[in-house]
Amino acid sequence: MYRKGKVFYENYFAGVIEETETGYRFSYDKEYLSKEDKWPISKTLPISEKAYLSNTMFPFFDGLIPEGWLLDVAVDNWKLKANDRMGLLLACCKVCIGAVSVIPFNEENNE
């Protein structure tokens, strides 16, 4: 089973990041796309109706994951491996500095 998370821009549900058989996929939510005052979550992931695909974690999302001693704390507390980028993203990025946050789907009872 592949993991996925809801991506929020400020308080707005902006899209979904998910693991796939070949890597990762990010897609903007249709309702978010219809908003007049929408913003891209990153310059590297501009507003698009088309899903973004990558063999590795998108650099923007990878940049949200803690580094150094804070990464060590996260790995120890959640019993994750440092190379489990999706696990770390879902565990550590619910409240981030900046406008973007990622919440695991299962935490909101959305599968």
PDB file of N, CA and C in Angstrom:
ATOM      1  N   MET A   1       0.841  -1.182   0.000  1.00  0.00           N
ATOM      2  CA  MET A   1       0.000   0.000   0.000  1.00  0.00           C
ATOM      3  C   MET A   1       0.881   1.239   0.000  1.00  0.00           C
ATOM      4  N   TYR A   2       0.550   2.151  -0.866  1.00  0.00           N
ATOM      5  CA  TYR A   2       1.330   3.375  -0.997  1.00  0.00           C
ATOM      6  C   TYR A   2       0.761   4.459  -0.102  1.00  0.00           C
ATOM      7  N   ARG A   3       1.667   5.279   0.420  1.00  0.00           N
ATOM      8  CA  ARG A   3       1.260   6.361   1.317  1.00  0.00           C
ATOM      9  C   ARG A   3       0.986   7.631   0.525  1.00  0.00           C
ATOM     10  N   LYS A   4       0.138   8.472   1.108  1.00  0.00           N
ATOM     11  CA  LYS A   4      -0.134   9.757   0.465  1.00  0.00           C
ATOM     12  C   LYS A   4      -0.485  10.788   1.519  1.00  0.00           C
ATOM     13  N   GLY A   5      -0.311  12.036   1.148  1.00  0.00           N
ATOM     14  CA  GLY A   5      -0.595  13.121   2.074  1.00  0.00           C
ATOM     15  C   GLY A   5      -1.302  14.270   1.381  1.00  0.00           C
ATOM     16  N   LYS A   6      -2.075  14.980   2.170  1.00  0.00           N
ATOM     17  CA  LYS A   6      -2.747  16.190   1.686  1.00  0.00           C
ATOM     18  C   LYS A   6      -1.780  17.357   1.842  1.00  0.00           C
ATOM     19  N   VAL A   7      -1.647  18.121   0.782  1.00  0.00           N
ATOM     20  CA  VAL A   7      -0.759  19.272   0.778  1.00  0.00           C
ATOM     21  C   VAL A   7      -1.615  20.530   0.927  1.00  0.00           C
ATOM     22  N   PHE A   8      -1.261  21.338   1.904  1.00  0.00           N
ATOM     23  CA  PHE A   8      -1.979  22.586   2.156  1.00  0.00           C
ATOM     24  C   PHE A   8      -1.078  23.768   1.849  1.00  0.00           C
ATOM     25  N   TYR A   9      -1.660  24.783   1.212  1.00  0.00           N
ATOM     26  CA  TYR A   9      -0.989  26.066   1.042  1.00  0.00           C
ATOM     27  C   TYR A   9      -1.728  27.030   1.961  1.00  0.00           C
ATOM     28  N   GLU A  10      -1.041  27.483   3.001  1.00  0.00           N
ATOM     29  CA  GLU A  10      -1.669  28.207   4.098  1.00  0.00           C
ATOM     30  C   GLU A  10      -2.786  27.305   4.633  1.00  0.00           C
ATOM     31  N   ASN A  11      -4.029  27.728   4.635  1.00  0.00           N
ATOM     32  CA  ASN A  11      -5.104  26.879   5.160  1.00  0.00           C
ATOM     33  C   ASN A  11      -5.915  26.219   4.059  1.00  0.00           C
ATOM     34  N   TYR A  12      -5.449  26.314   2.826  1.00  0.00           N
ATOM     35  CA  TYR A  12      -6.208  25.781   1.691  1.00  0.00           C
ATOM     36  C   TYR A  12      -5.651  24.432   1.246  1.00  0.00           C
ATOM     37  N   PHE A  13      -6.532  23.461   1.077  1.00  0.00           N
ATOM     38  CA  PHE A  13      -6.136  22.173   0.527  1.00  0.00           C
ATOM     39  C   PHE A  13      -5.734  22.401  -0.922  1.00  0.00           C
ATOM     40  N   ALA A  14      -4.456  22.168  -1.227  1.00  0.00           N
ATOM     41  CA  ALA A  14      -3.928  22.489  -2.554  1.00  0.00           C
ATOM     42  C   ALA A  14      -3.740  21.270  -3.438  1.00  0.00           C
ATOM     43  N   GLY A  15      -3.487  20.105  -2.846  1.00  0.00           N
ATOM     44  CA  GLY A  15      -3.237  18.939  -3.682  1.00  0.00           C
ATOM     45  C   GLY A  15      -2.835  17.728  -2.880  1.00  0.00           C
ATOM     46  N   VAL A  16      -2.339  16.721  -3.593  1.00  0.00           N
ATOM     47  CA  VAL A  16      -1.979  15.441  -2.980  1.00  0.00           C
ATOM     48  C   VAL A  16      -0.586  15.016  -3.451  1.00  0.00           C
ATOM     49  N   ILE A  17       0.243  14.610  -2.493  1.00  0.00           N
ATOM     50  CA  ILE A  17       1.532  13.979  -2.786  1.00  0.00           C
ATOM     51  C   ILE A  17       1.375  12.504  -2.447  1.00  0.00           C
ATOM     52  N   GLU A  18       1.835  11.632  -3.341  1.00  0.00           N
ATOM     53  CA  GLU A  18       1.674  10.204  -3.086  1.00  0.00           C
ATOM     54  C   GLU A  18       2.822   9.402  -3.661  1.00  0.00           C
ATOM     55  N   GLU A  19       3.063   8.263  -3.023  1.00  0.00           N
ATOM     56  CA  GLU A  19       4.015   7.300  -3.541  1.00  0.00           C
ATOM     57  C   GLU A  19       3.351   6.534  -4.674  1.00  0.00           C
ATOM     58  N   THR A  20       4.144   6.129  -5.646  1.00  0.00           N
ATOM     59  CA  THR A  20       3.659   5.298  -6.739  1.00  0.00           C
ATOM     60  C   THR A  20       4.617   4.118  -6.893  1.00  0.00           C
ATOM     61  N   GLU A  21       4.314   3.229  -7.808  1.00  0.00           N
ATOM     62  CA  GLU A  21       5.210   2.100  -8.073  1.00  0.00           C
ATOM     63  C   GLU A  21       6.581   2.563  -8.526  1.00  0.00           C
ATOM     64  N   THR A  22       6.636   3.686  -9.219  1.00  0.00           N
ATOM     65  CA  THR A  22       7.895   4.152  -9.802  1.00  0.00           C
ATOM     66  C   THR A  22       8.481   5.378  -9.113  1.00  0.00           C
ATOM     67  N   GLY A  23       7.849   5.883  -8.077  1.00  0.00           N
ATOM     68  CA  GLY A  23       8.369   7.057  -7.388  1.00  0.00           C
ATOM     69  C   GLY A  23       7.289   7.849  -6.699  1.00  0.00           C
ATOM     70  N   TYR A  24       7.057   9.075  -7.179  1.00  0.00           N
ATOM     71  CA  TYR A  24       6.140   9.989  -6.515  1.00  0.00           C
ATOM     72  C   TYR A  24       5.295  10.740  -7.539  1.00  0.00           C
ATOM     73  N   ARG A  25       4.117  11.182  -7.076  1.00  0.00           N
ATOM     74  CA  ARG A  25       3.226  11.981  -7.916  1.00  0.00           C
ATOM     75  C   ARG A  25       2.666  13.111  -7.050  1.00  0.00           C
ATOM     76  N   PHE A  26       2.650  14.311  -7.628  1.00  0.00           N
ATOM     77  CA  PHE A  26       1.972  15.434  -6.982  1.00  0.00           C
ATOM     78  C   PHE A  26       0.954  15.971  -7.963  1.00  0.00           C
ATOM     79  N   SER A  27      -0.264  16.211  -7.480  1.00  0.00           N
ATOM     80  CA  SER A  27      -1.287  16.815  -8.322  1.00  0.00           C
ATOM     81  C   SER A  27      -2.070  17.840  -7.514  1.00  0.00           C
ATOM     82  N   TYR A  28      -2.382  18.941  -8.184  1.00  0.00           N
ATOM     83  CA  TYR A  28      -3.190  19.971  -7.555  1.00  0.00           C
ATOM     84  C   TYR A  28      -4.645  19.529  -7.509  1.00  0.00           C
ATOM     85  N   ASP A  29      -5.333  19.934  -6.464  1.00  0.00           N
ATOM     86  CA  ASP A  29      -6.755  19.657  -6.299  1.00  0.00           C
ATOM     87  C   ASP A  29      -7.563  20.509  -7.275  1.00  0.00           C
ATOM     88  N   LYS A  30      -8.596  19.903  -7.876  1.00  0.00           N
ATOM     89  CA  LYS A  30      -9.429  20.618  -8.867  1.00  0.00           C
ATOM     90  C   LYS A  30     -10.087  21.859  -8.267  1.00  0.00           C
ATOM     91  N   GLU A  31     -10.546  21.758  -7.030  1.00  0.00           N
ATOM     92  CA  GLU A  31     -11.180  22.922  -6.393  1.00  0.00           C
ATOM     93  C   GLU A  31     -10.158  24.041  -6.174  1.00  0.00           C
ATOM     94  N   TYR A  32      -8.947  23.659  -5.774  1.00  0.00           N
ATOM     95  CA  TYR A  32      -7.885  24.650  -5.597  1.00  0.00           C
ATOM     96  C   TYR A  32      -7.563  25.324  -6.928  1.00  0.00           C
ATOM     97  N   LEU A  33      -7.524  24.538  -7.998  1.00  0.00           N
ATOM     98  CA  LEU A  33      -7.243  25.087  -9.324  1.00  0.00           C
ATOM     99  C   LEU A  33      -8.299  26.091  -9.769  1.00  0.00           C
ATOM    100  N   SER A  34      -9.531  25.923  -9.284  1.00  0.00           N
ATOM    101  CA  SER A  34     -10.611  26.820  -9.690  1.00  0.00           C
ATOM    102  C   SER A  34     -10.627  28.130  -8.893  1.00  0.00           C
ATOM    103  N   LYS A  35      -9.846  28.210  -7.798  1.00  0.00           N
ATOM    104  CA  LYS A  35      -9.800  29.429  -6.993  1.00  0.00           C
ATOM    105  C   LYS A  35      -9.150  30.566  -7.781  1.00  0.00           C
ATOM    106  N   GLU A  36      -9.655  31.769  -7.562  1.00  0.00           N
ATOM    107  CA  GLU A  36      -9.075  32.932  -8.225  1.00  0.00           C
ATOM    108  C   GLU A  36      -7.725  33.307  -7.630  1.00  0.00           C
ATOM    109  N   ASP A  37      -7.601  33.215  -6.321  1.00  0.00           N
ATOM    110  CA  ASP A  37      -6.390  33.664  -5.638  1.00  0.00           C
ATOM    111  C   ASP A  37      -5.456  32.508  -5.267  1.00  0.00           C
ATOM    112  N   LYS A  38      -5.296  31.555  -6.147  1.00  0.00           N
ATOM    113  CA  LYS A  38      -4.435  30.401  -5.877  1.00  0.00           C
ATOM    114  C   LYS A  38      -2.957  30.758  -6.111  1.00  0.00           C
ATOM    115  N   TRP A  39      -2.088  30.054  -5.406  1.00  0.00           N
ATOM    116  CA  TRP A  39      -0.650  30.216  -5.548  1.00  0.00           C
ATOM    117  C   TRP A  39      -0.030  28.845  -5.754  1.00  0.00           C
ATOM    118  N   PRO A  40       1.023  28.745  -6.543  1.00  0.00           N
ATOM    119  CA  PRO A  40       1.722  27.464  -6.649  1.00  0.00           C
ATOM    120  C   PRO A  40       2.395  27.153  -5.312  1.00  0.00           C
ATOM    121  N   ILE A  41       2.504  25.900  -4.972  1.00  0.00           N
ATOM    122  CA  ILE A  41       3.171  25.574  -3.707  1.00  0.00           C
ATOM    123  C   ILE A  41       4.670  25.799  -3.813  1.00  0.00           C
ATOM    124  N   SER A  42       5.162  25.834  -5.051  1.00  0.00           N
ATOM    125  CA  SER A  42       6.592  26.033  -5.288  1.00  0.00           C
ATOM    126  C   SER A  42       6.786  26.526  -6.718  1.00  0.00           C
ATOM    127  N   LYS A  43       7.874  27.243  -6.957  1.00  0.00           N
ATOM    128  CA  LYS A  43       8.180  27.660  -8.331  1.00  0.00           C
ATOM    129  C   LYS A  43       8.510  26.454  -9.197  1.00  0.00           C
ATOM    130  N   THR A  44       8.968  25.386  -8.585  1.00  0.00           N
ATOM    131  CA  THR A  44       9.296  24.175  -9.343  1.00  0.00           C
ATOM    132  C   THR A  44       8.076  23.297  -9.595  1.00  0.00           C
ATOM    133  N   LEU A  45       6.941  23.640  -8.971  1.00  0.00           N
ATOM    134  CA  LEU A  45       5.678  22.920  -9.177  1.00  0.00           C
ATOM    135  C   LEU A  45       4.584  23.947  -9.488  1.00  0.00           C
ATOM    136  N   PRO A  46       4.691  24.601 -10.650  1.00  0.00           N
ATOM    137  CA  PRO A  46       3.702  25.633 -10.981  1.00  0.00           C
ATOM    138  C   PRO A  46       2.295  25.059 -11.123  1.00  0.00           C
ATOM    139  N   ILE A  47       1.311  25.922 -10.987  1.00  0.00           N
ATOM    140  CA  ILE A  47      -0.090  25.526 -11.119  1.00  0.00           C
ATOM    141  C   ILE A  47      -0.284  24.793 -12.444  1.00  0.00           C
ATOM    142  N   SER A  48      -0.887  23.603 -12.367  1.00  0.00           N
ATOM    143  CA  SER A  48      -1.118  22.799 -13.565  1.00  0.00           C
ATOM    144  C   SER A  48      -2.222  21.790 -13.289  1.00  0.00           C
ATOM    145  N   GLU A  49      -3.002  21.509 -14.298  1.00  0.00           N
ATOM    146  CA  GLU A  49      -4.016  20.457 -14.172  1.00  0.00           C
ATOM    147  C   GLU A  49      -3.377  19.083 -14.331  1.00  0.00           C
ATOM    148  N   LYS A  50      -2.197  19.050 -14.898  1.00  0.00           N
ATOM    149  CA  LYS A  50      -1.475  17.804 -15.130  1.00  0.00           C
ATOM    150  C   LYS A  50      -0.694  17.416 -13.869  1.00  0.00           C
ATOM    151  N   ALA A  51      -0.668  16.129 -13.555  1.00  0.00           N
ATOM    152  CA  ALA A  51       0.079  15.645 -12.393  1.00  0.00           C
ATOM    153  C   ALA A  51       1.583  15.688 -12.670  1.00  0.00           C
ATOM    154  N   TYR A  52       2.345  15.959 -11.643  1.00  0.00           N
ATOM    155  CA  TYR A  52       3.806  15.919 -11.723  1.00  0.00           C
ATOM    156  C   TYR A  52       4.268  14.544 -11.263  1.00  0.00           C
ATOM    157  N   LEU A  53       5.221  13.966 -11.983  1.00  0.00           N
ATOM    158  CA  LEU A  53       5.757  12.642 -11.650  1.00  0.00           C
ATOM    159  C   LEU A  53       7.261  12.749 -11.474  1.00  0.00           C
ATOM    160  N   SER A  54       7.802  11.950 -10.549  1.00  0.00           N
ATOM    161  CA  SER A  54       9.243  11.942 -10.323  1.00  0.00           C
ATOM    162  C   SER A  54       9.668  10.576  -9.789  1.00  0.00           C
ATOM    163  N   ASN A  55      10.850  10.146 -10.177  1.00  0.00           N
ATOM    164  CA  ASN A  55      11.397   8.885  -9.662  1.00  0.00           C
ATOM    165  C   ASN A  55      11.887   9.043  -8.225  1.00  0.00           C
ATOM    166  N   THR A  56      12.237  10.259  -7.846  1.00  0.00           N
ATOM    167  CA  THR A  56      12.701  10.545  -6.489  1.00  0.00           C
ATOM    168  C   THR A  56      11.786  11.600  -5.877  1.00  0.00           C
ATOM    169  N   MET A  57      11.910  11.791  -4.571  1.00  0.00           N
ATOM    170  CA  MET A  57      11.094  12.802  -3.900  1.00  0.00           C
ATOM    171  C   MET A  57      11.355  14.161  -4.551  1.00  0.00           C
ATOM    172  N   PHE A  58      10.292  14.890  -4.835  1.00  0.00           N
ATOM    173  CA  PHE A  58      10.425  16.217  -5.431  1.00  0.00           C
ATOM    174  C   PHE A  58      11.324  17.076  -4.534  1.00  0.00           C
ATOM    175  N   PRO A  59      12.287  17.793  -5.107  1.00  0.00           N
ATOM    176  CA  PRO A  59      13.193  18.602  -4.285  1.00  0.00           C
ATOM    177  C   PRO A  59      12.475  19.557  -3.330  1.00  0.00           C
ATOM    178  N   PHE A  60      11.377  20.161  -3.763  1.00  0.00           N
ATOM    179  CA  PHE A  60      10.656  21.071  -2.879  1.00  0.00           C
ATOM    180  C   PHE A  60      10.203  20.355  -1.611  1.00  0.00           C
ATOM    181  N   PHE A  61       9.571  19.185  -1.768  1.00  0.00           N
ATOM    182  CA  PHE A  61       9.090  18.439  -0.606  1.00  0.00           C
ATOM    183  C   PHE A  61      10.253  17.899   0.217  1.00  0.00           C
ATOM    184  N   ASP A  62      11.308  17.464  -0.448  1.00  0.00           N
ATOM    185  CA  ASP A  62      12.480  16.968   0.263  1.00  0.00           C
ATOM    186  C   ASP A  62      13.079  18.069   1.135  1.00  0.00           C
ATOM    187  N   GLY A  63      12.990  19.304   0.658  1.00  0.00           N
ATOM    188  CA  GLY A  63      13.499  20.437   1.422  1.00  0.00           C
ATOM    189  C   GLY A  63      12.703  20.752   2.678  1.00  0.00           C
ATOM    190  N   LEU A  64      11.476  20.243   2.772  1.00  0.00           N
ATOM    191  CA  LEU A  64      10.669  20.449   3.984  1.00  0.00           C
ATOM    192  C   LEU A  64      11.108  19.521   5.119  1.00  0.00           C
ATOM    193  N   ILE A  65      11.764  18.418   4.765  1.00  0.00           N
ATOM    194  CA  ILE A  65      12.174  17.410   5.751  1.00  0.00           C
ATOM    195  C   ILE A  65      13.357  17.943   6.551  1.00  0.00           C
ATOM    196  N   PRO A  66      13.344  17.764   7.876  1.00  0.00           N
ATOM    197  CA  PRO A  66      14.447  18.263   8.707  1.00  0.00           C
ATOM    198  C   PRO A  66      15.788  17.636   8.321  1.00  0.00           C
ATOM    199  N   GLU A  67      16.852  18.329   8.700  1.00  0.00           N
ATOM    200  CA  GLU A  67      18.207  17.841   8.450  1.00  0.00           C
ATOM    201  C   GLU A  67      18.984  17.820   9.755  1.00  0.00           C
ATOM    202  N   GLY A  68      20.161  17.229   9.717  1.00  0.00           N
ATOM    203  CA  GLY A  68      21.085  17.247  10.847  1.00  0.00           C
ATOM    204  C   GLY A  68      20.514  16.612  12.103  1.00  0.00           C
ATOM    205  N   TRP A  69      20.757  17.264  13.237  1.00  0.00           N
ATOM    206  CA  TRP A  69      20.334  16.696  14.522  1.00  0.00           C
ATOM    207  C   TRP A  69      18.818  16.583  14.613  1.00  0.00           C
ATOM    208  N   LEU A  70      18.098  17.490  13.959  1.00  0.00           N
ATOM    209  CA  LEU A  70      16.644  17.423  13.988  1.00  0.00           C
ATOM    210  C   LEU A  70      16.140  16.200  13.215  1.00  0.00           C
ATOM    211  N   LEU A  71      16.820  15.847  12.127  1.00  0.00           N
ATOM    212  CA  LEU A  71      16.499  14.621  11.398  1.00  0.00           C
ATOM    213  C   LEU A  71      16.748  13.406  12.293  1.00  0.00           C
ATOM    214  N   ASP A  72      17.857  13.424  13.038  1.00  0.00           N
ATOM    215  CA  ASP A  72      18.155  12.320  13.962  1.00  0.00           C
ATOM    216  C   ASP A  72      17.049  12.153  14.997  1.00  0.00           C
ATOM    217  N   VAL A  73      16.545  13.264  15.522  1.00  0.00           N
ATOM    218  CA  VAL A  73      15.448  13.215  16.500  1.00  0.00           C
ATOM    219  C   VAL A  73      14.205  12.601  15.857  1.00  0.00           C
ATOM    220  N   ALA A  74      13.881  13.030  14.645  1.00  0.00           N
ATOM    221  CA  ALA A  74      12.704  12.509  13.940  1.00  0.00           C
ATOM    222  C   ALA A  74      12.842  11.018  13.660  1.00  0.00           C
ATOM    223  N   VAL A  75      14.000  10.613  13.195  1.00  0.00           N
ATOM    224  CA  VAL A  75      14.244   9.195  12.891  1.00  0.00           C
ATOM    225  C   VAL A  75      14.095   8.352  14.157  1.00  0.00           C
ATOM    226  N   ASP A  76      14.662   8.821  15.259  1.00  0.00           N
ATOM    227  CA  ASP A  76      14.576   8.082  16.527  1.00  0.00           C
ATOM    228  C   ASP A  76      13.149   8.039  17.068  1.00  0.00           C
ATOM    229  N   ASN A  77      12.452   9.171  17.051  1.00  0.00           N
ATOM    230  CA  ASN A  77      11.102   9.240  17.631  1.00  0.00           C
ATOM    231  C   ASN A  77      10.076   8.446  16.847  1.00  0.00           C
ATOM    232  N   TRP A  78      10.158   8.473  15.527  1.00  0.00           N
ATOM    233  CA  TRP A  78       9.146   7.795  14.715  1.00  0.00           C
ATOM    234  C   TRP A  78       9.634   6.465  14.168  1.00  0.00           C
ATOM    235  N   LYS A  79      10.847   6.062  14.580  1.00  0.00           N
ATOM    236  CA  LYS A  79      11.411   4.776  14.157  1.00  0.00           C
ATOM    237  C   LYS A  79      11.395   4.653  12.631  1.00  0.00           C
ATOM    238  N   LEU A  80      11.830   5.717  11.965  1.00  0.00           N
ATOM    239  CA  LEU A  80      11.905   5.743  10.504  1.00  0.00           C
ATOM    240  C   LEU A  80      13.364   5.691  10.073  1.00  0.00           C
ATOM    241  N   LYS A  81      13.588   5.313   8.836  1.00  0.00           N
ATOM    242  CA  LYS A  81      14.929   5.344   8.268  1.00  0.00           C
ATOM    243  C   LYS A  81      15.143   6.713   7.630  1.00  0.00           C
ATOM    244  N   ALA A  82      16.358   7.198   7.668  1.00  0.00           N
ATOM    245  CA  ALA A  82      16.669   8.517   7.115  1.00  0.00           C
ATOM    246  C   ALA A  82      16.395   8.578   5.618  1.00  0.00           C
ATOM    247  N   ASN A  83      16.408   7.431   4.941  1.00  0.00           N
ATOM    248  CA  ASN A  83      16.138   7.442   3.499  1.00  0.00           C
ATOM    249  C   ASN A  83      14.664   7.194   3.171  1.00  0.00           C
ATOM    250  N   ASP A  84      13.807   7.077   4.184  1.00  0.00           N
ATOM    251  CA  ASP A  84      12.355   6.954   3.959  1.00  0.00           C
ATOM    252  C   ASP A  84      11.777   8.356   3.855  1.00  0.00           C
ATOM    253  N   ARG A  85      11.965   8.969   2.695  1.00  0.00           N
ATOM    254  CA  ARG A  85      11.603  10.371   2.525  1.00  0.00           C
ATOM    255  C   ARG A  85      10.102  10.610   2.665  1.00  0.00           C
ATOM    256  N   MET A  86       9.283   9.691   2.160  1.00  0.00           N
ATOM    257  CA  MET A  86       7.830   9.876   2.281  1.00  0.00           C
ATOM    258  C   MET A  86       7.412   9.744   3.739  1.00  0.00           C
ATOM    259  N   GLY A  87       7.942   8.775   4.445  1.00  0.00           N
ATOM    260  CA  GLY A  87       7.626   8.612   5.862  1.00  0.00           C
ATOM    261  C   GLY A  87       8.009   9.840   6.665  1.00  0.00           C
ATOM    262  N   LEU A  88       9.183  10.378   6.392  1.00  0.00           N
ATOM    263  CA  LEU A  88       9.634  11.577   7.090  1.00  0.00           C
ATOM    264  C   LEU A  88       8.784  12.791   6.729  1.00  0.00           C
ATOM    265  N   LEU A  89       8.431  12.915   5.456  1.00  0.00           N
ATOM    266  CA  LEU A  89       7.574  14.023   5.031  1.00  0.00           C
ATOM    267  C   LEU A  89       6.241  13.979   5.770  1.00  0.00           C
ATOM    268  N   LEU A  90       5.637  12.807   5.837  1.00  0.00           N
ATOM    269  CA  LEU A  90       4.331  12.675   6.493  1.00  0.00           C
ATOM    270  C   LEU A  90       4.426  12.832   8.002  1.00  0.00           C
ATOM    271  N   ALA A  91       5.527  12.417   8.598  1.00  0.00           N
ATOM    272  CA  ALA A  91       5.678  12.505  10.053  1.00  0.00           C
ATOM    273  C   ALA A  91       6.097  13.893  10.526  1.00  0.00           C
ATOM    274  N   CYS A  92       6.905  14.590   9.735  1.00  0.00           N
ATOM    275  CA  CYS A  92       7.538  15.822  10.217  1.00  0.00           C
ATOM    276  C   CYS A  92       6.985  17.117   9.645  1.00  0.00           C
ATOM    277  N   CYS A  93       6.158  17.051   8.637  1.00  0.00           N
ATOM    278  CA  CYS A  93       5.822  18.281   7.907  1.00  0.00           C
ATOM    279  C   CYS A  93       4.372  18.713   8.064  1.00  0.00           C
ATOM    280  N   LYS A  94       3.766  18.354   9.192  1.00  0.00           N
ATOM    281  CA  LYS A  94       2.385  18.775   9.454  1.00  0.00           C
ATOM    282  C   LYS A  94       2.336  20.265   9.766  1.00  0.00           C
ATOM    283  N   VAL A  95       3.366  20.755  10.414  1.00  0.00           N
ATOM    284  CA  VAL A  95       3.483  22.181  10.727  1.00  0.00           C
ATOM    285  C   VAL A  95       4.890  22.599  10.315  1.00  0.00           C
ATOM    286  N   CYS A  96       4.979  23.376   9.264  1.00  0.00           N
ATOM    287  CA  CYS A  96       6.274  23.797   8.736  1.00  0.00           C
ATOM    288  C   CYS A  96       6.408  25.308   8.802  1.00  0.00           C
ATOM    289  N   ILE A  97       7.636  25.764   8.773  1.00  0.00           N
ATOM    290  CA  ILE A  97       7.877  27.186   8.602  1.00  0.00           C
ATOM    291  C   ILE A  97       7.540  27.482   7.156  1.00  0.00           C
ATOM    292  N   GLY A  98       6.740  28.476   6.921  1.00  0.00           N
ATOM    293  CA  GLY A  98       6.328  28.794   5.565  1.00  0.00           C
ATOM    294  C   GLY A  98       4.869  28.443   5.344  1.00  0.00           C
ATOM    295  N   ALA A  99       4.448  28.488   4.099  1.00  0.00           N
ATOM    296  CA  ALA A  99       3.033  28.360   3.771  1.00  0.00           C
ATOM    297  C   ALA A  99       2.563  26.930   3.543  1.00  0.00           C
ATOM    298  N   VAL A 100       3.476  25.996   3.322  1.00  0.00           N
ATOM    299  CA  VAL A 100       3.089  24.638   2.926  1.00  0.00           C
ATOM    300  C   VAL A 100       3.204  23.662   4.088  1.00  0.00           C
ATOM    301  N   SER A 101       2.197  22.796   4.205  1.00  0.00           N
ATOM    302  CA  SER A 101       2.231  21.701   5.177  1.00  0.00           C
ATOM    303  C   SER A 101       1.673  20.444   4.512  1.00  0.00           C
ATOM    304  N   VAL A 102       2.041  19.296   5.074  1.00  0.00           N
ATOM    305  CA  VAL A 102       1.611  18.016   4.520  1.00  0.00           C
ATOM    306  C   VAL A 102       1.043  17.174   5.654  1.00  0.00           C
ATOM    307  N   ILE A 103      -0.186  16.699   5.469  1.00  0.00           N
ATOM    308  CA  ILE A 103      -0.868  15.901   6.495  1.00  0.00           C
ATOM    309  C   ILE A 103      -1.216  14.534   5.912  1.00  0.00           C
ATOM    310  N   PRO A 104      -0.822  13.465   6.583  1.00  0.00           N
ATOM    311  CA  PRO A 104      -1.167  12.133   6.072  1.00  0.00           C
ATOM    312  C   PRO A 104      -2.679  11.970   5.919  1.00  0.00           C
ATOM    313  N   PHE A 105      -3.106  11.275   4.878  1.00  0.00           N
ATOM    314  CA  PHE A 105      -4.522  11.060   4.638  1.00  0.00           C
ATOM    315  C   PHE A 105      -5.188  10.369   5.818  1.00  0.00           C
ATOM    316  N   ASN A 106      -4.561   9.353   6.385  1.00  0.00           N
ATOM    317  CA  ASN A 106      -5.204   8.587   7.465  1.00  0.00           C
ATOM    318  C   ASN A 106      -5.467   9.405   8.721  1.00  0.00           C
ATOM    319  N   GLU A 107      -4.814  10.537   8.891  1.00  0.00           N
ATOM    320  CA  GLU A 107      -5.039  11.358  10.077  1.00  0.00           C
ATOM    321  C   GLU A 107      -6.335  12.142  10.002  1.00  0.00           C
ATOM    322  N   GLU A 108      -6.884  12.247   8.822  1.00  0.00           N
ATOM    323  CA  GLU A 108      -8.152  12.957   8.682  1.00  0.00           C
ATOM    324  C   GLU A 108      -9.265  11.994   8.292  1.00  0.00           C
ATOM    325  N   ASN A 109      -9.029  10.709   8.515  1.00  0.00           N
ATOM    326  CA  ASN A 109      -9.999   9.661   8.165  1.00  0.00           C
ATOM    327  C   ASN A 109     -10.401   9.705   6.702  1.00  0.00           C
ATOM    328  N   ASN A 110      -9.446  10.028   5.861  1.00  0.00           N
ATOM    329  CA  ASN A 110      -9.686  10.060   4.416  1.00  0.00           C
ATOM    330  C   ASN A 110      -8.905   8.968   3.705  1.00  0.00           C
ATOM    331  N   GLU A 111      -8.808   7.838   4.322  1.00  0.00           N
ATOM    332  CA  GLU A 111      -8.123   6.646   3.811  1.00  0.00           C
ATOM    333  C   GLU A 111      -6.655   6.740   3.946  1.00  0.00           C
TER     334      GLU A 111
END
